[in-house]
């Protein structure tokens, strides 16, 4: 009887570890996905990678983010296309987590955050359906 219990406990631990170590599923989006519709599940991440150059003062930020549907995970991450060249452009990656089921727009604007009354120089938008 104790051997069965030990086997069941061992199996439970293995299943828990396998679940905890499995990578989070995510939707990876780029400029090519602008204007598209995306489907994810609750808890999954939406990772958006777009061209940018923070050395110019411009950055990608969410606009009118539905915080009941999405949560931004961390700050935008910059990756230089030429690390040896100071001020070079590259990509900015923003990550969002889907919080609940529904459909909502996820819009990003490329602008200088301190400039008011100035239109962004670029916009990225997708319609996300969370199941």
N, C-alpha and C. Protein backbone atom coordinates (compact mmCIF):
# COMPACT_ATOMS: atom_id res chain seq x y z
N UNK A 1 0.82 -1.19 0.00
CA UNK A 1 0.00 0.00 0.00
C UNK A 1 0.86 1.26 0.00
N UNK A 2 1.94 1.29 0.78
CA UNK A 2 2.80 2.46 0.85
C UNK A 2 3.54 2.69 -0.47
N UNK A 3 3.79 1.60 -1.22
CA UNK A 3 4.44 1.72 -2.53
C UNK A 3 3.52 2.45 -3.51
N UNK A 4 2.22 2.18 -3.45
CA UNK A 4 1.26 2.86 -4.31
C UNK A 4 1.21 4.36 -3.98
N UNK A 5 1.20 4.66 -2.70
CA UNK A 5 1.15 6.07 -2.28
C UNK A 5 2.42 6.78 -2.73
N UNK A 6 3.57 6.17 -2.56
CA UNK A 6 4.84 6.76 -2.99
C UNK A 6 4.83 6.99 -4.50
N UNK A 7 4.32 6.04 -5.26
CA UNK A 7 4.23 6.18 -6.72
C UNK A 7 3.31 7.33 -7.10
N UNK A 8 2.18 7.44 -6.43
CA UNK A 8 1.24 8.52 -6.72
C UNK A 8 1.83 9.89 -6.37
N UNK A 9 2.52 9.97 -5.24
CA UNK A 9 3.15 11.23 -4.83
C UNK A 9 4.23 11.60 -5.84
N UNK A 10 5.04 10.65 -6.25
CA UNK A 10 6.09 10.90 -7.23
C UNK A 10 5.49 11.39 -8.54
N UNK A 11 4.44 10.75 -9.00
CA UNK A 11 3.78 11.15 -10.23
C UNK A 11 3.22 12.57 -10.11
N UNK A 12 2.62 12.89 -8.98
CA UNK A 12 2.07 14.23 -8.75
C UNK A 12 3.17 15.28 -8.79
N UNK A 13 4.31 15.00 -8.17
CA UNK A 13 5.43 15.95 -8.17
C UNK A 13 5.96 16.15 -9.59
N UNK A 14 6.10 15.10 -10.35
CA UNK A 14 6.57 15.20 -11.73
C UNK A 14 5.61 16.04 -12.57
N UNK A 15 4.31 15.82 -12.42
CA UNK A 15 3.32 16.59 -13.17
C UNK A 15 3.35 18.07 -12.78
N UNK A 16 3.50 18.35 -11.51
CA UNK A 16 3.56 19.74 -11.04
C UNK A 16 4.81 20.42 -11.61
N UNK A 17 5.94 19.75 -11.55
CA UNK A 17 7.18 20.33 -12.08
C UNK A 17 7.10 20.53 -13.59
N UNK A 18 6.53 19.60 -14.29
CA UNK A 18 6.40 19.72 -15.75
C UNK A 18 5.52 20.90 -16.12
N UNK A 19 4.44 21.11 -15.37
CA UNK A 19 3.55 22.23 -15.62
C UNK A 19 4.23 23.55 -15.28
N UNK A 20 4.93 23.59 -14.16
CA UNK A 20 5.60 24.82 -13.73
C UNK A 20 6.74 25.21 -14.67
N UNK A 21 7.39 24.25 -15.28
CA UNK A 21 8.54 24.52 -16.13
C UNK A 21 8.16 24.74 -17.59
N UNK A 22 6.92 24.48 -17.95
CA UNK A 22 6.54 24.65 -19.35
C UNK A 22 6.49 26.13 -19.69
N UNK A 23 6.99 26.51 -20.86
CA UNK A 23 7.03 27.92 -21.21
C UNK A 23 5.63 28.50 -21.41
N UNK A 24 5.51 29.79 -21.10
CA UNK A 24 4.24 30.48 -21.31
C UNK A 24 3.99 30.59 -22.81
N UNK A 25 2.79 30.26 -23.23
CA UNK A 25 2.45 30.40 -24.65
C UNK A 25 2.29 31.88 -24.95
N UNK A 26 2.61 32.24 -26.19
CA UNK A 26 2.52 33.64 -26.55
C UNK A 26 2.28 33.81 -28.04
N UNK A 27 1.74 34.96 -28.39
CA UNK A 27 1.58 35.36 -29.78
C UNK A 27 2.68 36.37 -30.07
N UNK A 28 3.52 36.08 -31.07
CA UNK A 28 4.61 36.97 -31.45
C UNK A 28 4.18 37.78 -32.67
N UNK A 29 4.15 39.10 -32.51
CA UNK A 29 3.67 39.98 -33.56
C UNK A 29 4.77 40.94 -34.01
N UNK A 30 4.72 41.35 -35.28
CA UNK A 30 5.65 42.32 -35.85
C UNK A 30 4.86 43.32 -36.69
N UNK A 31 5.56 44.22 -37.33
CA UNK A 31 4.94 45.21 -38.20
C UNK A 31 4.00 44.56 -39.21
N UNK A 32 4.35 43.38 -39.69
CA UNK A 32 3.53 42.68 -40.68
C UNK A 32 2.14 42.35 -40.15
N UNK A 33 1.97 42.32 -38.84
CA UNK A 33 0.67 41.98 -38.24
C UNK A 33 -0.22 43.20 -38.00
N UNK A 34 0.28 44.38 -38.32
CA UNK A 34 -0.51 45.60 -38.12
C UNK A 34 -1.86 45.49 -38.84
N UNK A 35 -2.93 45.78 -38.12
CA UNK A 35 -4.27 45.73 -38.69
C UNK A 35 -4.92 44.36 -38.68
N UNK A 36 -4.23 43.38 -38.14
CA UNK A 36 -4.75 42.01 -38.17
C UNK A 36 -5.58 41.69 -36.91
N UNK A 37 -6.14 40.49 -36.92
CA UNK A 37 -6.86 39.96 -35.77
C UNK A 37 -6.05 38.81 -35.20
N UNK A 38 -5.95 38.77 -33.87
CA UNK A 38 -5.13 37.78 -33.17
C UNK A 38 -6.00 37.09 -32.14
N UNK A 39 -5.77 35.80 -31.95
CA UNK A 39 -6.51 35.04 -30.94
C UNK A 39 -5.53 34.44 -29.95
N UNK A 40 -5.78 34.66 -28.66
CA UNK A 40 -4.97 34.08 -27.59
C UNK A 40 -5.92 33.57 -26.50
N UNK A 41 -5.34 32.84 -25.56
CA UNK A 41 -6.11 32.35 -24.43
C UNK A 41 -5.80 33.20 -23.20
N UNK A 42 -6.71 33.19 -22.25
CA UNK A 42 -6.50 33.91 -20.99
C UNK A 42 -5.17 33.43 -20.39
N UNK A 43 -4.36 34.37 -19.97
CA UNK A 43 -3.07 34.07 -19.36
C UNK A 43 -1.91 34.06 -20.34
N UNK A 44 -2.20 33.96 -21.63
CA UNK A 44 -1.13 33.97 -22.61
C UNK A 44 -0.61 35.39 -22.83
N UNK A 45 0.58 35.47 -23.41
CA UNK A 45 1.20 36.76 -23.65
C UNK A 45 1.14 37.14 -25.13
N UNK A 46 1.11 38.45 -25.35
CA UNK A 46 1.18 39.02 -26.69
C UNK A 46 2.48 39.80 -26.72
N UNK A 47 3.42 39.36 -27.55
CA UNK A 47 4.74 39.98 -27.64
C UNK A 47 4.83 40.70 -28.98
N UNK A 48 4.99 42.02 -28.92
CA UNK A 48 5.02 42.85 -30.13
C UNK A 48 6.40 43.45 -30.29
N UNK A 49 7.05 43.16 -31.43
CA UNK A 49 8.39 43.67 -31.72
C UNK A 49 8.32 44.56 -32.95
N UNK A 50 8.71 45.84 -32.74
CA UNK A 50 8.61 46.84 -33.80
C UNK A 50 9.91 47.63 -33.92
N UNK A 51 10.18 48.14 -35.12
CA UNK A 51 11.36 48.97 -35.32
C UNK A 51 11.27 50.22 -34.48
N UNK A 52 12.42 50.66 -33.96
CA UNK A 52 12.44 51.88 -33.16
C UNK A 52 13.85 52.34 -32.87
N UNK A 53 13.95 53.57 -32.39
CA UNK A 53 15.25 54.13 -32.03
C UNK A 53 15.07 55.08 -30.86
N UNK A 54 15.17 54.57 -29.63
CA UNK A 54 14.96 55.40 -28.45
C UNK A 54 15.94 56.56 -28.32
N UNK A 55 17.10 56.49 -29.00
CA UNK A 55 18.06 57.58 -28.89
C UNK A 55 17.53 58.87 -29.50
N UNK A 56 16.49 58.78 -30.32
CA UNK A 56 15.85 59.96 -30.91
C UNK A 56 14.77 60.54 -30.01
N UNK A 57 14.49 59.84 -28.92
CA UNK A 57 13.42 60.27 -28.01
C UNK A 57 12.10 59.59 -28.30
N UNK A 58 12.00 58.90 -29.42
CA UNK A 58 10.77 58.21 -29.77
C UNK A 58 10.72 56.84 -29.10
N UNK A 59 9.52 56.45 -28.71
CA UNK A 59 9.32 55.12 -28.13
C UNK A 59 7.91 54.64 -28.47
N UNK A 60 7.73 53.34 -28.40
CA UNK A 60 6.41 52.74 -28.58
C UNK A 60 5.74 52.66 -27.22
N UNK A 61 4.49 53.10 -27.16
CA UNK A 61 3.68 53.02 -25.94
C UNK A 61 2.26 52.62 -26.30
N UNK A 62 1.60 51.98 -25.34
CA UNK A 62 0.19 51.64 -25.57
C UNK A 62 -0.65 52.90 -25.51
N UNK A 63 -1.73 52.88 -26.27
CA UNK A 63 -2.67 54.01 -26.29
C UNK A 63 -4.04 53.47 -25.92
N UNK A 64 -4.65 54.08 -24.93
CA UNK A 64 -6.00 53.71 -24.48
C UNK A 64 -6.08 52.21 -24.18
N UNK A 65 -5.10 51.68 -23.46
CA UNK A 65 -5.04 50.26 -23.14
C UNK A 65 -6.21 49.86 -22.25
N UNK A 66 -6.95 48.85 -22.66
CA UNK A 66 -8.04 48.30 -21.85
C UNK A 66 -7.41 47.45 -20.75
N UNK A 67 -7.25 48.05 -19.57
CA UNK A 67 -6.55 47.37 -18.48
C UNK A 67 -7.38 46.26 -17.84
N UNK A 68 -8.64 46.11 -18.25
CA UNK A 68 -9.40 44.96 -17.78
C UNK A 68 -9.10 43.73 -18.64
N UNK A 69 -8.60 43.98 -19.87
CA UNK A 69 -8.29 42.89 -20.81
C UNK A 69 -6.80 42.57 -20.86
N UNK A 70 -5.95 43.62 -20.74
CA UNK A 70 -4.51 43.44 -20.94
C UNK A 70 -3.72 44.10 -19.81
N UNK A 71 -2.58 43.48 -19.52
CA UNK A 71 -1.64 44.04 -18.56
C UNK A 71 -0.28 44.07 -19.24
N UNK A 72 0.35 45.26 -19.25
CA UNK A 72 1.70 45.32 -19.81
C UNK A 72 2.65 44.64 -18.84
N UNK A 73 3.52 43.79 -19.39
CA UNK A 73 4.49 43.05 -18.58
C UNK A 73 5.84 43.72 -18.74
N UNK A 74 6.31 44.39 -17.71
CA UNK A 74 7.60 45.05 -17.76
C UNK A 74 7.60 46.27 -18.68
N UNK A 75 8.80 46.78 -18.91
CA UNK A 75 9.00 47.94 -19.77
C UNK A 75 9.39 47.47 -21.17
N UNK A 76 9.25 48.34 -22.17
CA UNK A 76 9.71 47.98 -23.51
C UNK A 76 11.20 47.64 -23.48
N UNK A 77 11.58 46.60 -24.21
CA UNK A 77 12.99 46.17 -24.26
C UNK A 77 13.56 46.55 -25.63
N UNK A 78 14.70 47.24 -25.63
CA UNK A 78 15.34 47.67 -26.88
C UNK A 78 16.48 46.71 -27.23
N UNK A 79 16.55 46.37 -28.51
CA UNK A 79 17.64 45.55 -29.04
C UNK A 79 18.21 46.28 -30.24
N UNK A 80 19.48 46.68 -30.16
CA UNK A 80 20.13 47.44 -31.22
C UNK A 80 20.43 46.56 -32.43
N UNK A 81 20.23 47.11 -33.62
CA UNK A 81 20.58 46.38 -34.83
C UNK A 81 22.08 46.46 -35.10
N UNK A 82 22.77 47.41 -34.44
CA UNK A 82 24.21 47.56 -34.59
C UNK A 82 24.77 48.07 -33.26
N UNK A 83 25.04 47.17 -32.31
CA UNK A 83 25.48 47.58 -30.97
C UNK A 83 26.79 48.38 -30.95
N UNK A 84 27.58 48.27 -32.00
CA UNK A 84 28.85 49.01 -32.04
C UNK A 84 28.66 50.47 -32.45
N UNK A 85 27.49 50.82 -32.92
CA UNK A 85 27.22 52.17 -33.40
C UNK A 85 26.30 52.88 -32.41
N UNK A 86 26.82 53.86 -31.71
CA UNK A 86 26.03 54.60 -30.72
C UNK A 86 24.88 55.31 -31.42
N UNK A 87 23.68 55.17 -30.88
CA UNK A 87 22.51 55.83 -31.43
C UNK A 87 21.84 55.08 -32.56
N UNK A 88 22.30 53.88 -32.82
CA UNK A 88 21.70 53.12 -33.93
C UNK A 88 20.29 52.66 -33.55
N UNK A 89 19.50 52.43 -34.58
CA UNK A 89 18.15 51.92 -34.37
C UNK A 89 18.16 50.44 -34.08
N UNK A 90 17.00 49.90 -33.97
CA UNK A 90 16.85 48.47 -33.69
C UNK A 90 15.39 48.15 -33.53
N UNK A 91 15.06 47.36 -32.53
CA UNK A 91 13.67 46.99 -32.27
C UNK A 91 13.32 47.22 -30.80
N UNK A 92 12.07 47.55 -30.60
CA UNK A 92 11.50 47.64 -29.26
C UNK A 92 10.48 46.53 -29.12
N UNK A 93 10.53 45.81 -28.01
CA UNK A 93 9.60 44.71 -27.77
C UNK A 93 8.76 45.04 -26.55
N UNK A 94 7.45 44.99 -26.74
CA UNK A 94 6.50 45.21 -25.65
C UNK A 94 5.72 43.92 -25.44
N UNK A 95 5.47 43.59 -24.18
CA UNK A 95 4.78 42.35 -23.84
C UNK A 95 3.53 42.67 -23.03
N UNK A 96 2.44 42.02 -23.40
CA UNK A 96 1.17 42.19 -22.70
C UNK A 96 0.62 40.81 -22.34
N UNK A 97 -0.08 40.75 -21.21
CA UNK A 97 -0.71 39.50 -20.77
C UNK A 97 -2.21 39.65 -20.93
N UNK A 98 -2.85 38.62 -21.50
CA UNK A 98 -4.31 38.60 -21.66
C UNK A 98 -4.93 38.22 -20.32
N UNK A 99 -5.81 39.08 -19.81
CA UNK A 99 -6.36 38.88 -18.47
C UNK A 99 -7.71 38.19 -18.42
N UNK A 100 -8.55 38.43 -19.43
CA UNK A 100 -9.89 37.83 -19.40
C UNK A 100 -10.41 37.66 -20.81
N UNK A 101 -11.43 36.84 -20.94
CA UNK A 101 -12.02 36.58 -22.26
C UNK A 101 -12.74 37.82 -22.78
N UNK A 102 -12.69 37.98 -24.10
CA UNK A 102 -13.36 39.10 -24.75
C UNK A 102 -12.58 39.53 -25.98
N UNK A 103 -13.00 40.62 -26.58
CA UNK A 103 -12.32 41.17 -27.75
C UNK A 103 -12.07 42.65 -27.52
N UNK A 104 -10.84 43.08 -27.81
CA UNK A 104 -10.48 44.48 -27.63
C UNK A 104 -9.34 44.84 -28.57
N UNK A 105 -9.24 46.14 -28.85
CA UNK A 105 -8.13 46.63 -29.66
C UNK A 105 -6.90 46.79 -28.77
N UNK A 106 -5.75 46.49 -29.34
CA UNK A 106 -4.47 46.72 -28.68
C UNK A 106 -3.70 47.65 -29.62
N UNK A 107 -3.55 48.91 -29.20
CA UNK A 107 -2.98 49.95 -30.05
C UNK A 107 -1.71 50.50 -29.41
N UNK A 108 -0.68 50.64 -30.24
CA UNK A 108 0.59 51.24 -29.81
C UNK A 108 0.86 52.45 -30.69
N UNK A 109 1.46 53.47 -30.09
CA UNK A 109 1.86 54.66 -30.85
C UNK A 109 3.36 54.88 -30.67
N UNK A 110 3.99 55.34 -31.75
CA UNK A 110 5.42 55.65 -31.74
C UNK A 110 5.53 57.17 -31.70
N UNK A 111 5.95 57.68 -30.54
CA UNK A 111 5.97 59.13 -30.33
C UNK A 111 6.99 59.51 -29.28
N UNK A 112 7.15 60.81 -29.11
CA UNK A 112 7.94 61.34 -27.99
C UNK A 112 6.93 61.65 -26.89
N UNK A 113 7.00 60.93 -25.78
CA UNK A 113 5.96 61.04 -24.74
C UNK A 113 5.77 62.45 -24.18
N UNK A 114 6.78 63.26 -24.20
CA UNK A 114 6.66 64.59 -23.61
C UNK A 114 6.04 65.62 -24.57
N UNK A 115 5.93 65.27 -25.85
CA UNK A 115 5.35 66.20 -26.81
C UNK A 115 3.83 66.08 -26.77
N UNK A 116 3.16 67.17 -26.43
CA UNK A 116 1.70 67.16 -26.39
C UNK A 116 1.16 67.86 -27.63
N UNK A 117 0.00 67.39 -28.09
CA UNK A 117 -0.61 67.99 -29.26
C UNK A 117 0.07 67.64 -30.57
N UNK A 118 0.94 66.64 -30.54
CA UNK A 118 1.67 66.21 -31.74
C UNK A 118 1.23 64.77 -32.06
N UNK A 119 0.85 64.54 -33.30
CA UNK A 119 0.45 63.20 -33.69
C UNK A 119 1.64 62.25 -33.65
N UNK A 120 1.41 60.98 -33.32
CA UNK A 120 2.51 60.00 -33.36
C UNK A 120 2.99 59.83 -34.80
N UNK A 121 4.25 59.44 -34.95
CA UNK A 121 4.75 59.26 -36.32
C UNK A 121 4.43 57.87 -36.86
N UNK A 122 3.97 56.98 -35.99
CA UNK A 122 3.56 55.66 -36.45
C UNK A 122 2.56 55.07 -35.46
N UNK A 123 1.74 54.17 -35.94
CA UNK A 123 0.74 53.49 -35.10
C UNK A 123 0.71 52.02 -35.47
N UNK A 124 0.54 51.17 -34.47
CA UNK A 124 0.39 49.73 -34.66
C UNK A 124 -0.88 49.33 -33.90
N UNK A 125 -1.76 48.61 -34.58
CA UNK A 125 -3.01 48.20 -33.91
C UNK A 125 -3.42 46.80 -34.37
N UNK A 126 -3.87 46.00 -33.42
CA UNK A 126 -4.44 44.68 -33.71
C UNK A 126 -5.71 44.53 -32.88
N UNK A 127 -6.59 43.70 -33.36
CA UNK A 127 -7.78 43.33 -32.60
C UNK A 127 -7.50 41.97 -31.98
N UNK A 128 -7.59 41.90 -30.67
CA UNK A 128 -7.25 40.66 -29.96
C UNK A 128 -8.52 40.04 -29.39
N UNK A 129 -8.72 38.77 -29.71
CA UNK A 129 -9.80 38.00 -29.11
C UNK A 129 -9.16 37.04 -28.12
N UNK A 130 -9.60 37.17 -26.87
CA UNK A 130 -9.08 36.33 -25.78
C UNK A 130 -10.15 35.31 -25.45
N UNK A 131 -9.79 34.03 -25.49
CA UNK A 131 -10.74 32.96 -25.20
C UNK A 131 -10.44 32.31 -23.86
